[in-house]
Amino acid sequence: MANIAPTLKQKAHELIDHLPDDATWEDVAEALAVIEDIEAGIADSDAGRVVDTATLRKHFGLPE
């Protein structure tokens, strides 16, 4: 059985269905922004555009 990725419309319906009944347009926009950021992060990871934690800490002068 093939794994069919949900369409944008299906994802939008799912998002709306999980928001509370008193959600505002701001709530919708914020939820969409979070999803967009997560998907961008996953795409970066899949493409190998990542930095390990030790390198990141060293770059910002943070203790390991």
PDB file of N, CA and C in Angstrom:
ATOM      1  N   MET A   1       0.839  -1.181   0.000  1.00  0.00           N
ATOM      2  CA  MET A   1       0.000   0.000   0.000  1.00  0.00           C
ATOM      3  C   MET A   1       0.885   1.246   0.000  1.00  0.00           C
ATOM      4  N   ALA A   2       0.631   2.154  -0.904  1.00  0.00           N
ATOM      5  CA  ALA A   2       1.442   3.361  -1.046  1.00  0.00           C
ATOM      6  C   ALA A   2       1.126   4.363   0.052  1.00  0.00           C
ATOM      7  N   ASN A   3       2.160   5.060   0.506  1.00  0.00           N
ATOM      8  CA  ASN A   3       1.980   6.111   1.504  1.00  0.00           C
ATOM      9  C   ASN A   3       1.708   7.419   0.758  1.00  0.00           C
ATOM     10  N   ILE A   4       0.492   7.878   0.799  1.00  0.00           N
ATOM     11  CA  ILE A   4       0.111   9.088   0.080  1.00  0.00           C
ATOM     12  C   ILE A   4       0.183  10.269   1.044  1.00  0.00           C
ATOM     13  N   ALA A   5       1.023  11.243   0.698  1.00  0.00           N
ATOM     14  CA  ALA A   5       1.181  12.429   1.545  1.00  0.00           C
ATOM     15  C   ALA A   5      -0.085  13.279   1.473  1.00  0.00           C
ATOM     16  N   PRO A   6      -0.490  13.832   2.618  1.00  0.00           N
ATOM     17  CA  PRO A   6      -1.685  14.681   2.607  1.00  0.00           C
ATOM     18  C   PRO A   6      -1.455  15.957   1.801  1.00  0.00           C
ATOM     19  N   THR A   7      -2.508  16.421   1.179  1.00  0.00           N
ATOM     20  CA  THR A   7      -2.425  17.666   0.419  1.00  0.00           C
ATOM     21  C   THR A   7      -2.450  18.850   1.377  1.00  0.00           C
ATOM     22  N   LEU A   8      -2.104  20.008   0.864  1.00  0.00           N
ATOM     23  CA  LEU A   8      -2.150  21.224   1.668  1.00  0.00           C
ATOM     24  C   LEU A   8      -3.557  21.444   2.220  1.00  0.00           C
ATOM     25  N   LYS A   9      -4.546  21.210   1.379  1.00  0.00           N
ATOM     26  CA  LYS A   9      -5.941  21.395   1.802  1.00  0.00           C
ATOM     27  C   LYS A   9      -6.283  20.447   2.953  1.00  0.00           C
ATOM     28  N   GLN A  10      -5.816  19.202   2.868  1.00  0.00           N
ATOM     29  CA  GLN A  10      -6.077  18.244   3.943  1.00  0.00           C
ATOM     30  C   GLN A  10      -5.376  18.666   5.236  1.00  0.00           C
ATOM     31  N   LYS A  11      -4.137  19.163   5.092  1.00  0.00           N
ATOM     32  CA  LYS A  11      -3.405  19.633   6.271  1.00  0.00           C
ATOM     33  C   LYS A  11      -4.109  20.825   6.908  1.00  0.00           C
ATOM     34  N   ALA A  12      -4.625  21.733   6.083  1.00  0.00           N
ATOM     35  CA  ALA A  12      -5.334  22.911   6.603  1.00  0.00           C
ATOM     36  C   ALA A  12      -6.593  22.492   7.345  1.00  0.00           C
ATOM     37  N   HIS A  13      -7.325  21.539   6.791  1.00  0.00           N
ATOM     38  CA  HIS A  13      -8.529  21.049   7.469  1.00  0.00           C
ATOM     39  C   HIS A  13      -8.168  20.430   8.817  1.00  0.00           C
ATOM     40  N   GLU A  14      -7.099  19.647   8.850  1.00  0.00           N
ATOM     41  CA  GLU A  14      -6.679  19.010  10.097  1.00  0.00           C
ATOM     42  C   GLU A  14      -6.294  20.060  11.139  1.00  0.00           C
ATOM     43  N   LEU A  15      -5.572  21.092  10.689  1.00  0.00           N
ATOM     44  CA  LEU A  15      -5.191  22.179  11.591  1.00  0.00           C
ATOM     45  C   LEU A  15      -6.429  22.835  12.191  1.00  0.00           C
ATOM     46  N   ILE A  16      -7.360  23.213  11.337  1.00  0.00           N
ATOM     47  CA  ILE A  16      -8.586  23.872  11.797  1.00  0.00           C
ATOM     48  C   ILE A  16      -9.364  22.970  12.753  1.00  0.00           C
ATOM     49  N   ASP A  17      -9.428  21.682  12.426  1.00  0.00           N
ATOM     50  CA  ASP A  17     -10.173  20.739  13.267  1.00  0.00           C
ATOM     51  C   ASP A  17      -9.574  20.611  14.666  1.00  0.00           C
ATOM     52  N   HIS A  18      -8.271  20.870  14.808  1.00  0.00           N
ATOM     53  CA  HIS A  18      -7.626  20.723  16.108  1.00  0.00           C
ATOM     54  C   HIS A  18      -7.572  22.019  16.914  1.00  0.00           C
ATOM     55  N   LEU A  19      -7.986  23.123  16.325  1.00  0.00           N
ATOM     56  CA  LEU A  19      -8.025  24.381  17.066  1.00  0.00           C
ATOM     57  C   LEU A  19      -9.301  24.446  17.910  1.00  0.00           C
ATOM     58  N   PRO A  20      -9.255  25.174  19.010  1.00  0.00           N
ATOM     59  CA  PRO A  20     -10.470  25.322  19.815  1.00  0.00           C
ATOM     60  C   PRO A  20     -11.529  26.123  19.045  1.00  0.00           C
ATOM     61  N   ASP A  21     -12.773  25.952  19.433  1.00  0.00           N
ATOM     62  CA  ASP A  21     -13.880  26.628  18.749  1.00  0.00           C
ATOM     63  C   ASP A  21     -13.771  28.153  18.804  1.00  0.00           C
ATOM     64  N   ASP A  22     -13.097  28.673  19.823  1.00  0.00           N
ATOM     65  CA  ASP A  22     -12.983  30.129  19.946  1.00  0.00           C
ATOM     66  C   ASP A  22     -11.663  30.664  19.376  1.00  0.00           C
ATOM     67  N   ALA A  23     -10.997  29.878  18.511  1.00  0.00           N
ATOM     68  CA  ALA A  23      -9.726  30.300  17.919  1.00  0.00           C
ATOM     69  C   ALA A  23      -9.925  31.555  17.080  1.00  0.00           C
ATOM     70  N   THR A  24      -8.881  32.379  17.066  1.00  0.00           N
ATOM     71  CA  THR A  24      -8.901  33.610  16.280  1.00  0.00           C
ATOM     72  C   THR A  24      -8.072  33.406  15.010  1.00  0.00           C
ATOM     73  N   TRP A  25      -8.155  34.394  14.095  1.00  0.00           N
ATOM     74  CA  TRP A  25      -7.317  34.339  12.903  1.00  0.00           C
ATOM     75  C   TRP A  25      -5.849  34.366  13.294  1.00  0.00           C
ATOM     76  N   GLU A  26      -5.527  35.074  14.380  1.00  0.00           N
ATOM     77  CA  GLU A  26      -4.152  35.114  14.870  1.00  0.00           C
ATOM     78  C   GLU A  26      -3.690  33.721  15.294  1.00  0.00           C
ATOM     79  N   ASP A  27      -4.564  32.966  15.948  1.00  0.00           N
ATOM     80  CA  ASP A  27      -4.243  31.591  16.335  1.00  0.00           C
ATOM     81  C   ASP A  27      -3.959  30.729  15.100  1.00  0.00           C
ATOM     82  N   VAL A  28      -4.764  30.912  14.068  1.00  0.00           N
ATOM     83  CA  VAL A  28      -4.576  30.162  12.825  1.00  0.00           C
ATOM     84  C   VAL A  28      -3.232  30.526  12.207  1.00  0.00           C
ATOM     85  N   ALA A  29      -2.936  31.810  12.131  1.00  0.00           N
ATOM     86  CA  ALA A  29      -1.680  32.266  11.532  1.00  0.00           C
ATOM     87  C   ALA A  29      -0.478  31.748  12.315  1.00  0.00           C
ATOM     88  N   GLU A  30      -0.575  31.769  13.637  1.00  0.00           N
ATOM     89  CA  GLU A  30       0.526  31.284  14.473  1.00  0.00           C
ATOM     90  C   GLU A  30       0.734  29.781  14.271  1.00  0.00           C
ATOM     91  N   ALA A  31      -0.343  29.030  14.243  1.00  0.00           N
ATOM     92  CA  ALA A  31      -0.238  27.586  14.034  1.00  0.00           C
ATOM     93  C   ALA A  31       0.378  27.281  12.668  1.00  0.00           C
ATOM     94  N   LEU A  32      -0.024  28.039  11.656  1.00  0.00           N
ATOM     95  CA  LEU A  32       0.541  27.845  10.316  1.00  0.00           C
ATOM     96  C   LEU A  32       2.032  28.164  10.304  1.00  0.00           C
ATOM     97  N   ALA A  33       2.434  29.219  10.995  1.00  0.00           N
ATOM     98  CA  ALA A  33       3.841  29.602  11.051  1.00  0.00           C
ATOM     99  C   ALA A  33       4.673  28.510  11.727  1.00  0.00           C
ATOM    100  N   VAL A  34       4.138  27.928  12.780  1.00  0.00           N
ATOM    101  CA  VAL A  34       4.850  26.850  13.482  1.00  0.00           C
ATOM    102  C   VAL A  34       5.020  25.649  12.556  1.00  0.00           C
ATOM    103  N   ILE A  35       3.948  25.275  11.866  1.00  0.00           N
ATOM    104  CA  ILE A  35       4.022  24.143  10.936  1.00  0.00           C
ATOM    105  C   ILE A  35       5.042  24.425   9.834  1.00  0.00           C
ATOM    106  N   GLU A  36       5.013  25.633   9.296  1.00  0.00           N
ATOM    107  CA  GLU A  36       5.952  26.009   8.234  1.00  0.00           C
ATOM    108  C   GLU A  36       7.396  25.921   8.727  1.00  0.00           C
ATOM    109  N   ASP A  37       7.660  26.401   9.941  1.00  0.00           N
ATOM    110  CA  ASP A  37       9.012  26.347  10.507  1.00  0.00           C
ATOM    111  C   ASP A  37       9.467  24.904  10.716  1.00  0.00           C
ATOM    112  N   ILE A  38       8.572  24.072  11.212  1.00  0.00           N
ATOM    113  CA  ILE A  38       8.911  22.664  11.438  1.00  0.00           C
ATOM    114  C   ILE A  38       9.224  21.970  10.113  1.00  0.00           C
ATOM    115  N   GLU A  39       8.381  22.193   9.112  1.00  0.00           N
ATOM    116  CA  GLU A  39       8.602  21.569   7.807  1.00  0.00           C
ATOM    117  C   GLU A  39       9.903  22.059   7.168  1.00  0.00           C
ATOM    118  N   ALA A  40      10.237  23.340   7.353  1.00  0.00           N
ATOM    119  CA  ALA A  40      11.496  23.867   6.826  1.00  0.00           C
ATOM    120  C   ALA A  40      12.682  23.221   7.535  1.00  0.00           C
ATOM    121  N   GLY A  41      12.564  23.027   8.838  1.00  0.00           N
ATOM    122  CA  GLY A  41      13.623  22.372   9.603  1.00  0.00           C
ATOM    123  C   GLY A  41      13.828  20.928   9.175  1.00  0.00           C
ATOM    124  N   ILE A  42      12.736  20.231   8.940  1.00  0.00           N
ATOM    125  CA  ILE A  42      12.828  18.844   8.475  1.00  0.00           C
ATOM    126  C   ILE A  42      13.484  18.795   7.099  1.00  0.00           C
ATOM    127  N   ALA A  43      13.105  19.717   6.216  1.00  0.00           N
ATOM    128  CA  ALA A  43      13.702  19.762   4.874  1.00  0.00           C
ATOM    129  C   ALA A  43      15.201  20.047   4.973  1.00  0.00           C
ATOM    130  N   ASP A  44      15.596  20.981   5.849  1.00  0.00           N
ATOM    131  CA  ASP A  44      17.018  21.264   6.043  1.00  0.00           C
ATOM    132  C   ASP A  44      17.755  20.027   6.548  1.00  0.00           C
ATOM    133  N   SER A  45      17.170  19.342   7.496  1.00  0.00           N
ATOM    134  CA  SER A  45      17.784  18.135   8.037  1.00  0.00           C
ATOM    135  C   SER A  45      17.924  17.064   6.963  1.00  0.00           C
ATOM    136  N   ASP A  46      16.867  16.859   6.200  1.00  0.00           N
ATOM    137  CA  ASP A  46      16.906  15.865   5.123  1.00  0.00           C
ATOM    138  C   ASP A  46      17.970  16.200   4.082  1.00  0.00           C
ATOM    139  N   ALA A  47      18.206  17.496   3.866  1.00  0.00           N
ATOM    140  CA  ALA A  47      19.186  17.937   2.871  1.00  0.00           C
ATOM    141  C   ALA A  47      20.603  18.025   3.452  1.00  0.00           C
ATOM    142  N   GLY A  48      20.749  17.702   4.733  1.00  0.00           N
ATOM    143  CA  GLY A  48      22.058  17.725   5.352  1.00  0.00           C
ATOM    144  C   GLY A  48      22.521  19.106   5.783  1.00  0.00           C
ATOM    145  N   ARG A  49      21.611  20.065   5.803  1.00  0.00           N
ATOM    146  CA  ARG A  49      21.960  21.428   6.221  1.00  0.00           C
ATOM    147  C   ARG A  49      21.773  21.555   7.732  1.00  0.00           C
ATOM    148  N   VAL A  50      22.648  20.858   8.467  1.00  0.00           N
ATOM    149  CA  VAL A  50      22.552  20.840   9.926  1.00  0.00           C
ATOM    150  C   VAL A  50      23.924  21.063  10.533  1.00  0.00           C
ATOM    151  N   VAL A  51      23.923  21.453  11.790  1.00  0.00           N
ATOM    152  CA  VAL A  51      25.157  21.633  12.552  1.00  0.00           C
ATOM    153  C   VAL A  51      24.966  20.884  13.862  1.00  0.00           C
ATOM    154  N   ASP A  52      25.978  20.123  14.264  1.00  0.00           N
ATOM    155  CA  ASP A  52      25.843  19.383  15.517  1.00  0.00           C
ATOM    156  C   ASP A  52      25.910  20.340  16.702  1.00  0.00           C
ATOM    157  N   THR A  53      25.420  19.876  17.828  1.00  0.00           N
ATOM    158  CA  THR A  53      25.305  20.713  19.024  1.00  0.00           C
ATOM    159  C   THR A  53      26.651  21.238  19.494  1.00  0.00           C
ATOM    160  N   ALA A  54      27.677  20.403  19.480  1.00  0.00           N
ATOM    161  CA  ALA A  54      28.998  20.834  19.949  1.00  0.00           C
ATOM    162  C   ALA A  54      29.532  21.989  19.105  1.00  0.00           C
ATOM    163  N   THR A  55      29.362  21.902  17.796  1.00  0.00           N
ATOM    164  CA  THR A  55      29.822  22.972  16.907  1.00  0.00           C
ATOM    165  C   THR A  55      29.041  24.256  17.160  1.00  0.00           C
ATOM    166  N   LEU A  56      27.745  24.134  17.346  1.00  0.00           N
ATOM    167  CA  LEU A  56      26.903  25.296  17.606  1.00  0.00           C
ATOM    168  C   LEU A  56      27.279  25.966  18.926  1.00  0.00           C
ATOM    169  N   ARG A  57      27.495  25.166  19.955  1.00  0.00           N
ATOM    170  CA  ARG A  57      27.888  25.719  21.255  1.00  0.00           C
ATOM    171  C   ARG A  57      29.229  26.439  21.159  1.00  0.00           C
ATOM    172  N   LYS A  58      30.168  25.850  20.423  1.00  0.00           N
ATOM    173  CA  LYS A  58      31.488  26.474  20.264  1.00  0.00           C
ATOM    174  C   LYS A  58      31.352  27.801  19.513  1.00  0.00           C
ATOM    175  N   HIS A  59      30.518  27.825  18.481  1.00  0.00           N
ATOM    176  CA  HIS A  59      30.306  29.031  17.687  1.00  0.00           C
ATOM    177  C   HIS A  59      29.794  30.188  18.548  1.00  0.00           C
ATOM    178  N   PHE A  60      28.907  29.886  19.485  1.00  0.00           N
ATOM    179  CA  PHE A  60      28.320  30.936  20.333  1.00  0.00           C
ATOM    180  C   PHE A  60      29.044  31.074  21.662  1.00  0.00           C
ATOM    181  N   GLY A  61      30.146  30.358  21.856  1.00  0.00           N
ATOM    182  CA  GLY A  61      30.928  30.477  23.074  1.00  0.00           C
ATOM    183  C   GLY A  61      30.235  29.912  24.300  1.00  0.00           C
ATOM    184  N   LEU A  62      29.451  28.886  24.095  1.00  0.00           N
ATOM    185  CA  LEU A  62      28.723  28.259  25.197  1.00  0.00           C
ATOM    186  C   LEU A  62      29.464  27.027  25.692  1.00  0.00           C
ATOM    187  N   PRO A  63      29.344  26.705  26.968  1.00  0.00           N
ATOM    188  CA  PRO A  63      29.997  25.491  27.477  1.00  0.00           C
ATOM    189  C   PRO A  63      29.324  24.239  26.891  1.00  0.00           C
ATOM    190  N   GLU A  64      30.131  23.211  26.783  1.00  0.00           N
ATOM    191  CA  GLU A  64      29.598  21.946  26.266  1.00  0.00           C
ATOM    192  C   GLU A  64      29.029  21.167  27.371  1.00  0.00           C
TER     193      GLU A  64
END
